[in-house]
């Protein structure tokens, strides 16, 4: 089951990255926000590559953006196969994705701590990572069967008390 969960998770991650990319492009039409090259700068530093102007970083940008989105999907596939499913599983996964981004960006010196960003940038990052995480979750949950989650009857901690 692990191999299937990883593979279907990669597919789900690709769907999530596509949905996030589409959402970003639609948002940019309204906000006029330029493309971010933080993914390219981060990958450049992680790989120890020489710095290039942003105009020459599109390949690195897409490699990091799509690569991380697809690879992180494998984690969501494992989550779905092991019972961390639905909106709660996707919310937990969104936080994991944010943590992965921030850890890499800050350890390379490319990023800044999110609470130092302008509020609109914080909101947009949460929105786009949410689109990614919930789309990835929907696809992973649809492709993978989770374990039996029938609740087990048990007495609560108020055992012995009568209502």
N, C-alpha and C. Protein backbone atom coordinates (compact mmCIF):
# COMPACT_ATOMS: atom_id res chain seq x y z
N UNK A 1 0.82 -1.20 0.00
CA UNK A 1 0.00 0.00 0.00
C UNK A 1 0.86 1.26 0.00
N UNK A 2 2.04 1.20 0.59
CA UNK A 2 2.88 2.39 0.67
C UNK A 2 3.28 2.88 -0.71
N UNK A 3 3.68 1.98 -1.60
CA UNK A 3 4.07 2.38 -2.95
C UNK A 3 2.92 3.03 -3.70
N UNK A 4 1.74 2.45 -3.58
CA UNK A 4 0.55 3.01 -4.22
C UNK A 4 0.23 4.38 -3.63
N UNK A 5 0.34 4.51 -2.32
CA UNK A 5 0.06 5.79 -1.66
C UNK A 5 1.04 6.87 -2.12
N UNK A 6 2.30 6.50 -2.24
CA UNK A 6 3.30 7.46 -2.71
C UNK A 6 3.03 7.88 -4.14
N UNK A 7 2.77 6.91 -5.02
CA UNK A 7 2.52 7.19 -6.43
C UNK A 7 1.28 8.05 -6.61
N UNK A 8 0.18 7.64 -5.99
CA UNK A 8 -1.05 8.44 -6.12
C UNK A 8 -0.90 9.80 -5.45
N UNK A 9 -0.09 9.85 -4.41
CA UNK A 9 0.19 11.14 -3.78
C UNK A 9 0.93 12.07 -4.72
N UNK A 10 1.86 11.53 -5.51
CA UNK A 10 2.56 12.36 -6.50
C UNK A 10 1.58 12.91 -7.53
N UNK A 11 0.63 12.08 -7.96
CA UNK A 11 -0.40 12.53 -8.90
C UNK A 11 -1.24 13.63 -8.24
N UNK A 12 -1.62 13.41 -6.99
CA UNK A 12 -2.41 14.41 -6.27
C UNK A 12 -1.61 15.71 -6.10
N UNK A 13 -0.32 15.59 -5.83
CA UNK A 13 0.52 16.77 -5.70
C UNK A 13 0.61 17.56 -6.99
N UNK A 14 0.67 16.86 -8.12
CA UNK A 14 0.67 17.54 -9.42
C UNK A 14 -0.63 18.29 -9.63
N UNK A 15 -1.75 17.67 -9.26
CA UNK A 15 -3.05 18.35 -9.38
C UNK A 15 -3.11 19.58 -8.47
N UNK A 16 -2.59 19.44 -7.27
CA UNK A 16 -2.57 20.57 -6.34
C UNK A 16 -1.69 21.70 -6.83
N UNK A 17 -0.53 21.36 -7.38
CA UNK A 17 0.38 22.40 -7.92
C UNK A 17 -0.27 23.10 -9.11
N UNK A 18 -0.99 22.36 -9.93
CA UNK A 18 -1.68 22.96 -11.08
C UNK A 18 -2.78 23.91 -10.60
N UNK A 19 -3.55 23.48 -9.60
CA UNK A 19 -4.62 24.33 -9.07
C UNK A 19 -4.04 25.59 -8.43
N UNK A 20 -2.94 25.45 -7.69
CA UNK A 20 -2.31 26.61 -7.06
C UNK A 20 -1.78 27.57 -8.13
N UNK A 21 -1.17 27.04 -9.17
CA UNK A 21 -0.64 27.88 -10.24
C UNK A 21 -1.77 28.65 -10.92
N UNK A 22 -2.86 27.97 -11.21
CA UNK A 22 -4.01 28.63 -11.83
C UNK A 22 -4.56 29.72 -10.91
N UNK A 23 -4.70 29.41 -9.63
CA UNK A 23 -5.21 30.40 -8.68
C UNK A 23 -4.28 31.62 -8.60
N UNK A 24 -2.97 31.37 -8.61
CA UNK A 24 -2.01 32.48 -8.58
C UNK A 24 -2.14 33.35 -9.81
N UNK A 25 -2.26 32.75 -10.98
CA UNK A 25 -2.36 33.52 -12.22
C UNK A 25 -3.65 34.33 -12.26
N UNK A 26 -4.74 33.76 -11.78
CA UNK A 26 -6.01 34.52 -11.71
C UNK A 26 -5.87 35.67 -10.72
N UNK A 27 -5.32 35.40 -9.55
CA UNK A 27 -5.12 36.45 -8.54
C UNK A 27 -4.24 37.56 -9.09
N UNK A 28 -3.17 37.22 -9.81
CA UNK A 28 -2.26 38.23 -10.35
C UNK A 28 -2.94 39.13 -11.38
N UNK A 29 -3.95 38.63 -12.05
CA UNK A 29 -4.70 39.46 -12.99
C UNK A 29 -5.42 40.60 -12.26
N UNK A 30 -5.88 40.30 -11.04
CA UNK A 30 -6.60 41.30 -10.26
C UNK A 30 -5.67 42.20 -9.44
N UNK A 31 -4.65 41.62 -8.84
CA UNK A 31 -3.79 42.39 -7.94
C UNK A 31 -2.61 43.04 -8.64
N UNK A 32 -2.30 42.58 -9.85
CA UNK A 32 -1.13 43.06 -10.60
C UNK A 32 0.19 42.71 -9.90
N UNK A 33 0.13 41.74 -9.00
CA UNK A 33 1.33 41.27 -8.30
C UNK A 33 2.24 40.58 -9.30
N UNK A 34 3.54 40.92 -9.31
CA UNK A 34 4.46 40.26 -10.25
C UNK A 34 4.76 38.82 -9.81
N UNK A 35 5.31 38.06 -10.73
CA UNK A 35 5.75 36.69 -10.40
C UNK A 35 6.80 36.76 -9.30
N UNK A 36 6.76 35.76 -8.43
CA UNK A 36 7.77 35.64 -7.39
C UNK A 36 8.86 34.70 -7.88
N UNK A 37 10.09 35.08 -7.66
CA UNK A 37 11.21 34.21 -8.01
C UNK A 37 11.87 33.63 -6.76
N UNK A 38 11.15 33.67 -5.64
CA UNK A 38 11.67 33.08 -4.41
C UNK A 38 11.94 31.59 -4.59
N UNK A 39 11.05 30.83 -5.27
CA UNK A 39 11.38 29.41 -5.47
C UNK A 39 12.70 29.22 -6.21
N UNK A 40 12.95 30.01 -7.24
CA UNK A 40 14.20 29.89 -8.01
C UNK A 40 15.40 30.26 -7.16
N UNK A 41 15.29 31.35 -6.41
CA UNK A 41 16.40 31.78 -5.54
C UNK A 41 16.71 30.69 -4.51
N UNK A 42 15.64 30.08 -3.97
CA UNK A 42 15.83 29.04 -2.95
C UNK A 42 16.53 27.82 -3.55
N UNK A 43 16.05 27.35 -4.70
CA UNK A 43 16.67 26.19 -5.34
C UNK A 43 18.11 26.49 -5.75
N UNK A 44 18.33 27.68 -6.24
CA UNK A 44 19.68 28.10 -6.62
C UNK A 44 20.64 27.98 -5.44
N UNK A 45 20.20 28.42 -4.28
CA UNK A 45 21.06 28.35 -3.09
C UNK A 45 21.18 26.92 -2.58
N UNK A 46 20.08 26.16 -2.60
CA UNK A 46 20.15 24.77 -2.15
C UNK A 46 21.13 23.95 -2.97
N UNK A 47 21.19 24.24 -4.27
CA UNK A 47 22.07 23.49 -5.17
C UNK A 47 23.45 24.13 -5.32
N UNK A 48 23.66 25.28 -4.70
CA UNK A 48 24.94 25.97 -4.80
C UNK A 48 25.23 26.49 -6.20
N UNK A 49 24.20 26.86 -6.93
CA UNK A 49 24.36 27.37 -8.29
C UNK A 49 24.73 28.86 -8.26
N UNK A 50 25.39 29.32 -9.31
CA UNK A 50 25.70 30.76 -9.36
C UNK A 50 24.41 31.57 -9.53
N UNK A 51 24.39 32.76 -8.95
CA UNK A 51 23.21 33.61 -9.05
C UNK A 51 23.05 34.13 -10.46
N UNK A 52 21.79 34.16 -10.91
CA UNK A 52 21.45 34.68 -12.23
C UNK A 52 20.38 35.75 -12.05
N UNK A 53 20.20 36.59 -13.07
CA UNK A 53 19.08 37.53 -13.01
C UNK A 53 17.75 36.77 -13.08
N UNK A 54 16.69 37.36 -12.51
CA UNK A 54 15.40 36.69 -12.52
C UNK A 54 14.94 36.33 -13.93
N UNK A 55 15.29 37.12 -14.91
CA UNK A 55 14.89 36.85 -16.29
C UNK A 55 15.46 35.52 -16.80
N UNK A 56 16.49 34.99 -16.12
CA UNK A 56 17.10 33.72 -16.52
C UNK A 56 16.76 32.59 -15.53
N UNK A 57 15.81 32.83 -14.66
CA UNK A 57 15.50 31.85 -13.60
C UNK A 57 14.18 31.11 -13.80
N UNK A 58 13.50 31.30 -14.89
CA UNK A 58 12.18 30.69 -15.05
C UNK A 58 12.23 29.17 -14.90
N UNK A 59 13.23 28.52 -15.50
CA UNK A 59 13.34 27.07 -15.38
C UNK A 59 13.53 26.61 -13.94
N UNK A 60 14.40 27.32 -13.22
CA UNK A 60 14.59 26.99 -11.79
C UNK A 60 13.30 27.24 -11.01
N UNK A 61 12.61 28.32 -11.35
CA UNK A 61 11.37 28.66 -10.65
C UNK A 61 10.34 27.54 -10.80
N UNK A 62 10.14 27.10 -12.05
CA UNK A 62 9.16 26.04 -12.29
C UNK A 62 9.61 24.71 -11.70
N UNK A 63 10.90 24.45 -11.74
CA UNK A 63 11.41 23.20 -11.16
C UNK A 63 11.11 23.14 -9.67
N UNK A 64 11.36 24.22 -8.97
CA UNK A 64 11.11 24.25 -7.52
C UNK A 64 9.61 24.25 -7.24
N UNK A 65 8.86 25.09 -7.94
CA UNK A 65 7.42 25.22 -7.72
C UNK A 65 6.71 23.88 -7.96
N UNK A 66 6.90 23.31 -9.15
CA UNK A 66 6.24 22.05 -9.48
C UNK A 66 6.86 20.87 -8.76
N UNK A 67 8.19 20.87 -8.65
CA UNK A 67 8.87 19.75 -7.99
C UNK A 67 8.47 19.61 -6.55
N UNK A 68 8.47 20.72 -5.82
CA UNK A 68 8.08 20.65 -4.42
C UNK A 68 6.59 20.29 -4.28
N UNK A 69 5.76 20.87 -5.15
CA UNK A 69 4.33 20.55 -5.09
C UNK A 69 4.06 19.08 -5.34
N UNK A 70 4.72 18.52 -6.33
CA UNK A 70 4.52 17.11 -6.65
C UNK A 70 5.08 16.21 -5.55
N UNK A 71 6.31 16.49 -5.12
CA UNK A 71 6.93 15.64 -4.09
C UNK A 71 6.19 15.70 -2.76
N UNK A 72 5.73 16.89 -2.37
CA UNK A 72 4.98 16.99 -1.12
C UNK A 72 3.67 16.21 -1.20
N UNK A 73 3.14 16.06 -2.42
CA UNK A 73 1.92 15.27 -2.60
C UNK A 73 2.08 13.84 -2.12
N UNK A 74 3.30 13.31 -2.20
CA UNK A 74 3.54 11.95 -1.72
C UNK A 74 3.22 11.84 -0.23
N UNK A 75 3.52 12.88 0.51
CA UNK A 75 3.20 12.90 1.94
C UNK A 75 1.68 12.85 2.14
N UNK A 76 0.97 13.65 1.33
CA UNK A 76 -0.50 13.66 1.47
C UNK A 76 -1.08 12.31 1.08
N UNK A 77 -0.46 11.62 0.12
CA UNK A 77 -0.89 10.28 -0.22
C UNK A 77 -0.74 9.32 0.96
N UNK A 78 0.38 9.41 1.64
CA UNK A 78 0.58 8.58 2.84
C UNK A 78 -0.42 8.94 3.93
N UNK A 79 -0.70 10.22 4.06
CA UNK A 79 -1.69 10.65 5.06
C UNK A 79 -3.05 10.04 4.74
N UNK A 80 -3.48 10.12 3.47
CA UNK A 80 -4.79 9.60 3.07
C UNK A 80 -4.88 8.10 3.30
N UNK A 81 -3.83 7.39 2.95
CA UNK A 81 -3.83 5.93 3.09
C UNK A 81 -3.84 5.49 4.55
N UNK A 82 -3.41 6.38 5.44
CA UNK A 82 -3.31 6.02 6.85
C UNK A 82 -4.35 6.71 7.73
N UNK A 83 -5.38 7.28 7.09
CA UNK A 83 -6.52 7.79 7.85
C UNK A 83 -6.56 9.28 8.10
N UNK A 84 -5.52 10.01 7.75
CA UNK A 84 -5.55 11.48 7.89
C UNK A 84 -6.14 12.04 6.61
N UNK A 85 -7.47 12.11 6.57
CA UNK A 85 -8.20 12.39 5.35
C UNK A 85 -9.13 13.59 5.53
N UNK A 86 -9.77 13.95 4.45
CA UNK A 86 -10.79 14.99 4.48
C UNK A 86 -10.23 16.36 4.79
N UNK A 87 -11.11 17.28 5.16
CA UNK A 87 -10.69 18.67 5.43
C UNK A 87 -9.65 18.78 6.54
N UNK A 88 -9.76 17.96 7.56
CA UNK A 88 -8.78 18.04 8.65
C UNK A 88 -7.41 17.58 8.16
N UNK A 89 -7.38 16.49 7.40
CA UNK A 89 -6.11 16.04 6.83
C UNK A 89 -5.50 17.09 5.91
N UNK A 90 -6.34 17.75 5.12
CA UNK A 90 -5.84 18.78 4.20
C UNK A 90 -5.36 20.01 4.96
N UNK A 91 -6.04 20.37 6.04
CA UNK A 91 -5.59 21.50 6.86
C UNK A 91 -4.23 21.20 7.49
N UNK A 92 -4.07 20.01 8.02
CA UNK A 92 -2.78 19.62 8.59
C UNK A 92 -1.70 19.64 7.51
N UNK A 93 -2.04 19.15 6.33
CA UNK A 93 -1.10 19.11 5.21
C UNK A 93 -0.72 20.52 4.76
N UNK A 94 -1.67 21.46 4.78
CA UNK A 94 -1.37 22.84 4.40
C UNK A 94 -0.28 23.40 5.30
N UNK A 95 -0.38 23.11 6.57
CA UNK A 95 0.64 23.60 7.50
C UNK A 95 1.99 22.95 7.24
N UNK A 96 1.98 21.69 6.88
CA UNK A 96 3.22 20.99 6.54
C UNK A 96 3.86 21.63 5.30
N UNK A 97 3.05 21.96 4.31
CA UNK A 97 3.57 22.60 3.09
C UNK A 97 4.15 23.98 3.41
N UNK A 98 3.45 24.74 4.24
CA UNK A 98 3.96 26.05 4.65
C UNK A 98 5.29 25.90 5.39
N UNK A 99 5.36 24.91 6.25
CA UNK A 99 6.59 24.67 7.01
C UNK A 99 7.75 24.30 6.09
N UNK A 100 7.48 23.46 5.09
CA UNK A 100 8.53 23.07 4.14
C UNK A 100 9.05 24.29 3.38
N UNK A 101 8.12 25.11 2.89
CA UNK A 101 8.53 26.32 2.16
C UNK A 101 9.37 27.23 3.05
N UNK A 102 8.84 27.54 4.22
CA UNK A 102 9.51 28.50 5.09
C UNK A 102 10.86 27.99 5.59
N UNK A 103 10.95 26.72 5.87
CA UNK A 103 12.22 26.16 6.33
C UNK A 103 13.29 26.31 5.26
N UNK A 104 12.96 25.94 4.04
CA UNK A 104 13.95 26.04 2.96
C UNK A 104 14.30 27.49 2.64
N UNK A 105 13.29 28.34 2.56
CA UNK A 105 13.53 29.74 2.21
C UNK A 105 14.36 30.45 3.29
N UNK A 106 14.09 30.15 4.54
CA UNK A 106 14.80 30.85 5.62
C UNK A 106 16.17 30.25 5.89
N UNK A 107 16.34 28.94 5.72
CA UNK A 107 17.67 28.36 5.96
C UNK A 107 18.65 28.76 4.87
N UNK A 108 18.14 29.11 3.69
CA UNK A 108 19.02 29.56 2.61
C UNK A 108 19.22 31.08 2.63
N UNK A 109 18.49 31.77 3.49
CA UNK A 109 18.60 33.23 3.56
C UNK A 109 17.81 33.94 2.49
N UNK A 110 16.99 33.22 1.74
CA UNK A 110 16.20 33.83 0.67
C UNK A 110 14.95 34.50 1.23
N UNK A 111 14.31 33.84 2.19
CA UNK A 111 13.04 34.33 2.70
C UNK A 111 13.18 35.10 4.00
N UNK A 112 12.06 35.63 4.40
CA UNK A 112 11.95 36.30 5.70
C UNK A 112 10.85 35.59 6.47
N UNK A 113 10.89 35.70 7.76
CA UNK A 113 9.85 35.06 8.58
C UNK A 113 8.49 35.63 8.20
N UNK A 114 7.48 34.78 8.03
CA UNK A 114 6.19 35.23 7.50
C UNK A 114 5.54 36.36 8.29
N UNK A 115 5.72 36.38 9.60
CA UNK A 115 5.07 37.44 10.38
C UNK A 115 5.71 38.81 10.15
N UNK A 116 6.82 38.85 9.41
CA UNK A 116 7.43 40.13 9.05
C UNK A 116 6.92 40.62 7.69
N UNK A 117 6.14 39.81 6.99
CA UNK A 117 5.62 40.18 5.67
C UNK A 117 4.45 41.13 5.83
N UNK A 118 4.15 41.89 4.78
CA UNK A 118 2.91 42.67 4.79
C UNK A 118 1.71 41.72 4.90
N UNK A 119 0.65 42.17 5.51
CA UNK A 119 -0.53 41.32 5.76
C UNK A 119 -1.12 40.76 4.46
N UNK A 120 -1.13 41.56 3.39
CA UNK A 120 -1.70 41.05 2.14
C UNK A 120 -0.88 39.89 1.58
N UNK A 121 0.44 39.93 1.73
CA UNK A 121 1.28 38.83 1.26
C UNK A 121 1.06 37.58 2.11
N UNK A 122 0.88 37.76 3.41
CA UNK A 122 0.58 36.62 4.29
C UNK A 122 -0.73 35.96 3.85
N UNK A 123 -1.75 36.79 3.64
CA UNK A 123 -3.07 36.26 3.26
C UNK A 123 -3.00 35.53 1.93
N UNK A 124 -2.30 36.10 0.96
CA UNK A 124 -2.20 35.45 -0.35
C UNK A 124 -1.44 34.13 -0.26
N UNK A 125 -0.39 34.09 0.53
CA UNK A 125 0.36 32.83 0.67
C UNK A 125 -0.52 31.76 1.31
N UNK A 126 -1.26 32.12 2.33
CA UNK A 126 -2.17 31.16 2.97
C UNK A 126 -3.26 30.71 2.00
N UNK A 127 -3.79 31.64 1.23
CA UNK A 127 -4.82 31.30 0.25
C UNK A 127 -4.29 30.30 -0.77
N UNK A 128 -3.14 30.60 -1.34
CA UNK A 128 -2.60 29.73 -2.39
C UNK A 128 -2.16 28.38 -1.85
N UNK A 129 -1.55 28.35 -0.67
CA UNK A 129 -1.17 27.06 -0.08
C UNK A 129 -2.42 26.27 0.30
N UNK A 130 -3.49 26.98 0.68
CA UNK A 130 -4.76 26.30 0.95
C UNK A 130 -5.34 25.66 -0.30
N UNK A 131 -5.32 26.38 -1.41
CA UNK A 131 -5.78 25.82 -2.69
C UNK A 131 -4.97 24.57 -3.01
N UNK A 132 -3.66 24.68 -2.87
CA UNK A 132 -2.79 23.52 -3.14
C UNK A 132 -3.15 22.35 -2.22
N UNK A 133 -3.19 22.60 -0.92
CA UNK A 133 -3.37 21.51 0.05
C UNK A 133 -4.74 20.84 -0.08
N UNK A 134 -5.79 21.64 -0.26
CA UNK A 134 -7.12 21.04 -0.32
C UNK A 134 -7.36 20.34 -1.66
N UNK A 135 -6.79 20.85 -2.74
CA UNK A 135 -6.89 20.14 -4.02
C UNK A 135 -6.10 18.83 -3.96
N UNK A 136 -4.89 18.90 -3.43
CA UNK A 136 -4.08 17.69 -3.28
C UNK A 136 -4.82 16.68 -2.42
N UNK A 137 -5.42 17.14 -1.34
CA UNK A 137 -6.17 16.26 -0.45
C UNK A 137 -7.38 15.63 -1.12
N UNK A 138 -8.14 16.42 -1.86
CA UNK A 138 -9.31 15.88 -2.56
C UNK A 138 -8.91 14.75 -3.51
N UNK A 139 -7.84 14.98 -4.26
CA UNK A 139 -7.40 13.98 -5.23
C UNK A 139 -6.85 12.75 -4.51
N UNK A 140 -6.01 12.96 -3.51
CA UNK A 140 -5.44 11.82 -2.77
C UNK A 140 -6.53 11.00 -2.10
N UNK A 141 -7.49 11.67 -1.48
CA UNK A 141 -8.58 10.97 -0.80
C UNK A 141 -9.44 10.19 -1.79
N UNK A 142 -9.61 10.74 -3.00
CA UNK A 142 -10.41 10.05 -4.02
C UNK A 142 -9.68 8.83 -4.59
N UNK A 143 -8.37 8.92 -4.71
CA UNK A 143 -7.59 7.84 -5.33
C UNK A 143 -7.25 6.71 -4.36
N UNK A 144 -7.17 7.04 -3.08
CA UNK A 144 -6.69 6.06 -2.10
C UNK A 144 -7.76 5.73 -1.08
N UNK A 145 -7.89 4.46 -0.82
CA UNK A 145 -8.79 4.02 0.23
C UNK A 145 -8.06 4.09 1.56
N UNK A 146 -8.72 4.66 2.54
CA UNK A 146 -8.12 4.74 3.86
C UNK A 146 -8.49 3.53 4.70
N UNK A 147 -7.95 3.46 5.89
CA UNK A 147 -8.29 2.34 6.77
C UNK A 147 -9.73 2.45 7.27
N UNK A 148 -10.25 1.36 7.75
CA UNK A 148 -11.58 1.38 8.35
C UNK A 148 -11.57 2.33 9.53
N UNK A 149 -12.46 3.30 9.50
CA UNK A 149 -12.50 4.27 10.59
C UNK A 149 -13.84 4.24 11.32
N UNK A 150 -14.41 3.05 11.41
CA UNK A 150 -15.64 2.91 12.16
C UNK A 150 -15.34 3.19 13.63
N UNK A 151 -16.07 4.13 14.22
CA UNK A 151 -15.79 4.45 15.62
C UNK A 151 -15.99 3.23 16.52
N UNK A 152 -15.11 3.08 17.47
CA UNK A 152 -15.19 1.99 18.44
C UNK A 152 -16.02 2.49 19.61
N UNK A 153 -17.05 1.70 19.96
CA UNK A 153 -17.86 2.07 21.12
C UNK A 153 -17.02 2.00 22.37
N UNK A 154 -17.03 3.04 23.14
CA UNK A 154 -16.30 3.03 24.40
C UNK A 154 -16.95 4.02 25.33
N UNK A 155 -16.73 3.80 26.58
CA UNK A 155 -17.29 4.72 27.56
C UNK A 155 -16.41 5.95 27.65
N UNK A 156 -17.03 7.06 27.90
CA UNK A 156 -16.30 8.32 28.03
C UNK A 156 -15.63 8.42 29.39
N UNK A 157 -14.99 9.52 29.64
CA UNK A 157 -14.27 9.72 30.90
C UNK A 157 -15.21 10.01 32.06
N UNK A 158 -16.50 10.13 31.74
CA UNK A 158 -17.48 10.36 32.80
C UNK A 158 -18.13 9.06 33.23
N UNK A 159 -17.40 7.97 33.12
CA UNK A 159 -17.93 6.66 33.46
C UNK A 159 -18.47 6.68 34.90
N UNK A 160 -19.65 6.12 35.04
CA UNK A 160 -20.24 6.02 36.36
C UNK A 160 -21.17 7.17 36.70
N UNK A 161 -21.05 8.27 36.00
CA UNK A 161 -21.94 9.39 36.26
C UNK A 161 -23.23 9.19 35.48
N UNK A 162 -24.33 9.55 36.10
CA UNK A 162 -25.62 9.47 35.42
C UNK A 162 -26.08 10.87 35.13
N UNK A 163 -26.58 11.02 33.93
CA UNK A 163 -27.03 12.36 33.52
C UNK A 163 -28.33 12.73 34.16
